[in-house]
């Protein structure tokens, strides 16, 4: 099951917290290009990166699911129905 992130919500939370892609990339120890690819959904975030983003962006549990796991939850619900 492929995990597609909600790129719009992630970007909105980044901007809301006052981070540029470059600044946030540095905070999680990645290059600007690597972070850009992750935020655009081209490459996946690691568990460690997600954990860092949760802390840095002060994400609620609801926001974590909406941003990082909504596509997985939707797929599970489709299979269950």
Protein backbone atom coordinates (compact mmCIF):
# COMPACT_ATOMS: atom_id res chain seq x y z
CA UNK A 1 0.00 0.00 0.00
CA UNK A 2 1.58 3.26 -1.12
CA UNK A 3 1.53 6.14 1.34
CA UNK A 4 0.70 9.45 -0.28
CA UNK A 5 0.95 12.46 1.94
CA UNK A 6 -1.38 15.41 1.92
CA UNK A 7 1.11 17.85 0.43
CA UNK A 8 -1.17 20.87 0.71
CA UNK A 9 -1.74 20.38 4.44
CA UNK A 10 1.94 19.79 5.12
CA UNK A 11 2.90 22.93 3.22
CA UNK A 12 0.22 24.93 5.05
CA UNK A 13 1.50 23.78 8.46
CA UNK A 14 5.09 24.59 7.44
CA UNK A 15 4.12 28.10 6.34
CA UNK A 16 1.86 28.60 9.37
CA UNK A 17 4.86 27.85 11.60
CA UNK A 18 7.06 30.31 9.71
CA UNK A 19 9.40 27.85 8.00
CA UNK A 20 10.70 27.95 4.46
CA UNK A 21 11.50 24.60 2.83
CA UNK A 22 15.20 25.37 3.30
CA UNK A 23 14.84 26.18 7.02
CA UNK A 24 12.76 23.10 7.74
CA UNK A 25 15.13 20.91 5.72
CA UNK A 26 18.00 22.05 7.94
CA UNK A 27 15.95 21.38 11.09
CA UNK A 28 15.46 17.74 10.08
CA UNK A 29 18.98 17.31 8.71
CA UNK A 30 18.17 17.13 5.01
CA UNK A 31 19.13 19.16 1.95
CA UNK A 32 16.63 21.62 0.55
CA UNK A 33 16.16 19.47 -2.57
CA UNK A 34 15.62 16.29 -0.52
CA UNK A 35 13.01 18.02 1.63
CA UNK A 36 11.33 19.56 -1.41
CA UNK A 37 10.99 16.10 -2.98
CA UNK A 38 9.48 14.75 0.22
CA UNK A 39 7.03 17.62 0.67
CA UNK A 40 5.93 17.26 -2.96
CA UNK A 41 5.33 13.54 -2.41
CA UNK A 42 8.07 12.44 -4.82
CA UNK A 43 9.97 10.59 -2.10
CA UNK A 44 8.65 9.36 1.25
CA UNK A 45 9.46 10.73 4.68
CA UNK A 46 11.15 8.30 7.06
CA UNK A 47 9.59 7.56 10.44
CA UNK A 48 12.32 9.62 12.05
CA UNK A 49 11.61 12.58 9.78
CA UNK A 50 7.87 12.35 10.51
CA UNK A 51 8.64 12.28 14.22
CA UNK A 52 10.83 15.38 13.84
CA UNK A 53 8.14 17.20 11.84
CA UNK A 54 5.50 16.38 14.45
CA UNK A 55 7.63 18.05 17.12
CA UNK A 56 8.83 21.00 15.03
CA UNK A 57 5.45 21.85 13.52
CA UNK A 58 3.55 20.99 16.73
CA UNK A 59 1.17 18.69 14.87
CA UNK A 60 -1.87 17.26 16.62
CA UNK A 61 -2.72 13.57 16.29
CA UNK A 62 -5.51 14.52 13.88
CA UNK A 63 -3.10 16.56 11.73
CA UNK A 64 -0.56 13.71 11.68
CA UNK A 65 -3.21 11.36 10.30
CA UNK A 66 -4.54 13.94 7.84
CA UNK A 67 -1.07 14.71 6.50
CA UNK A 68 0.81 11.41 6.62
CA UNK A 69 -1.71 8.57 6.83
CA UNK A 70 -5.02 9.65 5.27
CA UNK A 71 -4.39 7.69 2.07
CA UNK A 72 -3.63 4.52 4.03
CA UNK A 73 -6.73 4.93 6.18
CA UNK A 74 -8.87 5.50 3.08
CA UNK A 75 -7.51 2.30 1.50
CA UNK A 76 -8.17 0.28 4.66
CA UNK A 77 -11.74 1.59 4.84
CA UNK A 78 -12.36 0.71 1.17
CA UNK A 79 -11.21 -2.85 1.79
CA UNK A 80 -13.27 -3.16 4.98
CA UNK A 81 -16.56 -2.06 3.41
